[in-house]
Amino acid sequence: MTWVLIVVSCIAGDSLPDCGSGISPVRFPDFAACEDAAVRTYDHMRANTDASGQTVLLLDTRCLALSPGAPA
């Protein structure tokens, strides 16, 4: 089984929030590796927004299992 990291974010902008989501191009060999990447991604995005004076409205990182044979 492989795991993928999904990141959903919404950051306050000048006029409207900048929101987006995506699936990491990396597939992780186990849940622990995916969870570590989720924590690093979360910390990195928080640090970047704090440094630029922006406000994070939503930041969600999740690891989902890919079934063998499932579409990428």
N, C-alpha and C. Protein backbone atom coordinates (compact mmCIF):
# COMPACT_ATOMS: atom_id res chain seq x y z
N MET A 1 0.85 -1.17 0.00
CA MET A 1 0.00 0.00 0.00
C MET A 1 0.90 1.24 0.00
N THR A 2 0.49 2.26 -0.73
CA THR A 2 1.19 3.54 -0.72
C THR A 2 0.25 4.62 -0.20
N TRP A 3 0.86 5.70 0.24
CA TRP A 3 0.11 6.81 0.83
C TRP A 3 0.42 8.08 0.07
N VAL A 4 -0.57 8.96 -0.07
CA VAL A 4 -0.36 10.27 -0.69
C VAL A 4 -0.76 11.35 0.31
N LEU A 5 -0.13 12.49 0.15
CA LEU A 5 -0.40 13.64 1.02
C LEU A 5 -1.28 14.62 0.27
N ILE A 6 -2.38 15.01 0.89
CA ILE A 6 -3.28 16.00 0.32
C ILE A 6 -3.20 17.25 1.18
N VAL A 7 -2.99 18.39 0.54
CA VAL A 7 -2.88 19.66 1.27
C VAL A 7 -3.98 20.59 0.78
N VAL A 8 -4.73 21.11 1.71
CA VAL A 8 -5.76 22.11 1.41
C VAL A 8 -5.42 23.35 2.21
N SER A 9 -5.37 24.50 1.52
CA SER A 9 -5.01 25.73 2.22
C SER A 9 -5.86 26.89 1.76
N CYS A 10 -6.02 27.84 2.66
CA CYS A 10 -6.70 29.08 2.33
C CYS A 10 -6.03 30.17 3.15
N ILE A 11 -5.44 31.14 2.46
CA ILE A 11 -4.66 32.19 3.10
C ILE A 11 -5.27 33.55 2.74
N ALA A 12 -5.45 34.40 3.74
CA ALA A 12 -6.06 35.71 3.51
C ALA A 12 -5.16 36.55 2.61
N GLY A 13 -5.76 37.10 1.55
CA GLY A 13 -5.03 37.97 0.64
C GLY A 13 -5.50 39.40 0.78
N ASP A 14 -5.05 40.25 -0.13
CA ASP A 14 -5.42 41.67 -0.06
C ASP A 14 -6.92 41.89 -0.21
N SER A 15 -7.52 41.23 -1.20
CA SER A 15 -8.95 41.44 -1.41
C SER A 15 -9.77 40.18 -1.17
N LEU A 16 -9.24 39.06 -1.58
CA LEU A 16 -9.95 37.79 -1.39
C LEU A 16 -8.96 36.73 -0.91
N PRO A 17 -9.46 35.69 -0.25
CA PRO A 17 -8.55 34.61 0.16
C PRO A 17 -7.98 33.88 -1.05
N ASP A 18 -6.76 33.40 -0.92
CA ASP A 18 -6.11 32.58 -1.93
C ASP A 18 -6.21 31.14 -1.45
N CYS A 19 -7.07 30.37 -2.09
CA CYS A 19 -7.34 29.01 -1.63
C CYS A 19 -6.93 28.01 -2.71
N GLY A 20 -6.52 26.86 -2.26
CA GLY A 20 -6.15 25.82 -3.22
C GLY A 20 -5.98 24.49 -2.53
N SER A 21 -5.86 23.47 -3.33
CA SER A 21 -5.62 22.14 -2.79
C SER A 21 -4.82 21.35 -3.80
N GLY A 22 -4.19 20.33 -3.34
CA GLY A 22 -3.41 19.52 -4.26
C GLY A 22 -2.97 18.22 -3.62
N ILE A 23 -2.56 17.32 -4.47
CA ILE A 23 -2.04 16.03 -4.04
C ILE A 23 -0.54 16.05 -4.28
N SER A 24 0.22 15.66 -3.27
CA SER A 24 1.66 15.61 -3.40
C SER A 24 2.05 14.64 -4.51
N PRO A 25 3.04 15.01 -5.33
CA PRO A 25 3.49 14.10 -6.38
C PRO A 25 4.27 12.91 -5.83
N VAL A 26 4.58 12.96 -4.54
CA VAL A 26 5.34 11.88 -3.90
C VAL A 26 4.38 10.87 -3.30
N ARG A 27 4.65 9.60 -3.53
CA ARG A 27 3.90 8.54 -2.85
C ARG A 27 4.79 7.99 -1.75
N PHE A 28 4.26 7.89 -0.57
CA PHE A 28 5.04 7.48 0.59
C PHE A 28 4.86 5.99 0.86
N PRO A 29 5.92 5.31 1.34
CA PRO A 29 5.84 3.87 1.52
C PRO A 29 4.97 3.43 2.69
N ASP A 30 4.79 4.32 3.66
CA ASP A 30 3.96 3.95 4.82
C ASP A 30 3.35 5.22 5.42
N PHE A 31 2.41 5.01 6.33
CA PHE A 31 1.70 6.14 6.92
C PHE A 31 2.64 7.06 7.68
N ALA A 32 3.60 6.50 8.40
CA ALA A 32 4.51 7.32 9.21
C ALA A 32 5.30 8.31 8.34
N ALA A 33 5.75 7.87 7.18
CA ALA A 33 6.49 8.76 6.27
C ALA A 33 5.58 9.87 5.75
N CYS A 34 4.35 9.53 5.44
CA CYS A 34 3.38 10.52 4.96
C CYS A 34 3.04 11.51 6.08
N GLU A 35 2.87 10.99 7.27
CA GLU A 35 2.56 11.86 8.42
C GLU A 35 3.71 12.83 8.69
N ASP A 36 4.95 12.37 8.60
CA ASP A 36 6.10 13.26 8.77
C ASP A 36 6.09 14.37 7.72
N ALA A 37 5.80 14.02 6.47
CA ALA A 37 5.74 15.01 5.40
C ALA A 37 4.61 16.01 5.65
N ALA A 38 3.50 15.54 6.19
CA ALA A 38 2.37 16.43 6.50
C ALA A 38 2.77 17.45 7.55
N VAL A 39 3.48 17.02 8.58
CA VAL A 39 3.92 17.93 9.65
C VAL A 39 4.91 18.95 9.08
N ARG A 40 5.86 18.50 8.27
CA ARG A 40 6.84 19.43 7.68
C ARG A 40 6.15 20.44 6.77
N THR A 41 5.19 19.98 5.96
CA THR A 41 4.46 20.88 5.06
C THR A 41 3.68 21.92 5.86
N TYR A 42 3.01 21.48 6.89
CA TYR A 42 2.22 22.37 7.74
C TYR A 42 3.13 23.44 8.36
N ASP A 43 4.24 22.99 8.96
CA ASP A 43 5.16 23.93 9.61
C ASP A 43 5.76 24.92 8.61
N HIS A 44 6.11 24.42 7.43
CA HIS A 44 6.71 25.27 6.39
C HIS A 44 5.72 26.34 5.92
N MET A 45 4.47 25.95 5.67
CA MET A 45 3.47 26.92 5.21
C MET A 45 3.16 27.93 6.30
N ARG A 46 3.07 27.49 7.55
CA ARG A 46 2.81 28.42 8.66
C ARG A 46 3.95 29.44 8.79
N ALA A 47 5.19 28.96 8.72
CA ALA A 47 6.35 29.86 8.85
C ALA A 47 6.38 30.88 7.72
N ASN A 48 6.08 30.44 6.48
CA ASN A 48 6.09 31.35 5.34
C ASN A 48 5.01 32.43 5.46
N THR A 49 3.83 32.04 5.89
CA THR A 49 2.77 33.05 6.02
C THR A 49 3.05 34.00 7.17
N ASP A 50 3.58 33.49 8.27
CA ASP A 50 3.93 34.36 9.40
C ASP A 50 5.00 35.37 8.98
N ALA A 51 6.00 34.91 8.23
CA ALA A 51 7.10 35.78 7.81
C ALA A 51 6.61 36.88 6.86
N SER A 52 5.57 36.59 6.08
CA SER A 52 5.09 37.58 5.13
C SER A 52 3.91 38.39 5.68
N GLY A 53 3.55 38.15 6.94
CA GLY A 53 2.47 38.91 7.55
C GLY A 53 1.09 38.51 7.09
N GLN A 54 0.95 37.34 6.51
CA GLN A 54 -0.36 36.87 6.07
C GLN A 54 -1.04 36.07 7.17
N THR A 55 -2.33 35.82 6.98
CA THR A 55 -3.10 35.05 7.95
C THR A 55 -3.59 33.78 7.30
N VAL A 56 -3.38 32.66 7.98
CA VAL A 56 -3.87 31.38 7.49
C VAL A 56 -5.30 31.21 7.96
N LEU A 57 -6.21 31.05 7.01
CA LEU A 57 -7.61 30.83 7.35
C LEU A 57 -7.91 29.35 7.50
N LEU A 58 -7.25 28.53 6.68
CA LEU A 58 -7.45 27.08 6.71
C LEU A 58 -6.19 26.42 6.21
N LEU A 59 -5.71 25.43 6.91
CA LEU A 59 -4.58 24.63 6.46
C LEU A 59 -4.83 23.21 6.95
N ASP A 60 -5.05 22.31 6.03
CA ASP A 60 -5.39 20.93 6.37
C ASP A 60 -4.49 19.99 5.58
N THR A 61 -3.77 19.14 6.25
CA THR A 61 -2.93 18.15 5.60
C THR A 61 -3.43 16.77 6.01
N ARG A 62 -3.61 15.89 5.03
CA ARG A 62 -4.13 14.55 5.30
C ARG A 62 -3.39 13.53 4.47
N CYS A 63 -3.24 12.36 5.03
CA CYS A 63 -2.64 11.24 4.32
C CYS A 63 -3.74 10.24 3.96
N LEU A 64 -3.82 9.91 2.69
CA LEU A 64 -4.82 8.94 2.25
C LEU A 64 -4.13 7.75 1.59
N ALA A 65 -4.66 6.57 1.85
CA ALA A 65 -4.10 5.35 1.28
C ALA A 65 -4.55 5.20 -0.16
N LEU A 66 -3.64 4.76 -1.01
CA LEU A 66 -3.98 4.41 -2.38
C LEU A 66 -4.10 2.90 -2.47
N SER A 67 -5.20 2.43 -2.99
CA SER A 67 -5.37 0.99 -3.18
C SER A 67 -4.52 0.54 -4.36
N PRO A 68 -3.99 -0.67 -4.30
CA PRO A 68 -3.27 -1.19 -5.47
C PRO A 68 -4.17 -1.16 -6.70
N GLY A 69 -3.66 -0.64 -7.79
CA GLY A 69 -4.42 -0.59 -9.03
C GLY A 69 -5.32 0.63 -9.16
N ALA A 70 -5.38 1.48 -8.15
CA ALA A 70 -6.22 2.68 -8.23
C ALA A 70 -5.57 3.70 -9.16
N PRO A 71 -6.37 4.54 -9.81
CA PRO A 71 -5.79 5.57 -10.68
C PRO A 71 -4.95 6.54 -9.87
N ALA A 72 -3.89 7.05 -10.48
CA ALA A 72 -2.98 7.98 -9.79
C ALA A 72 -3.58 9.35 -9.72
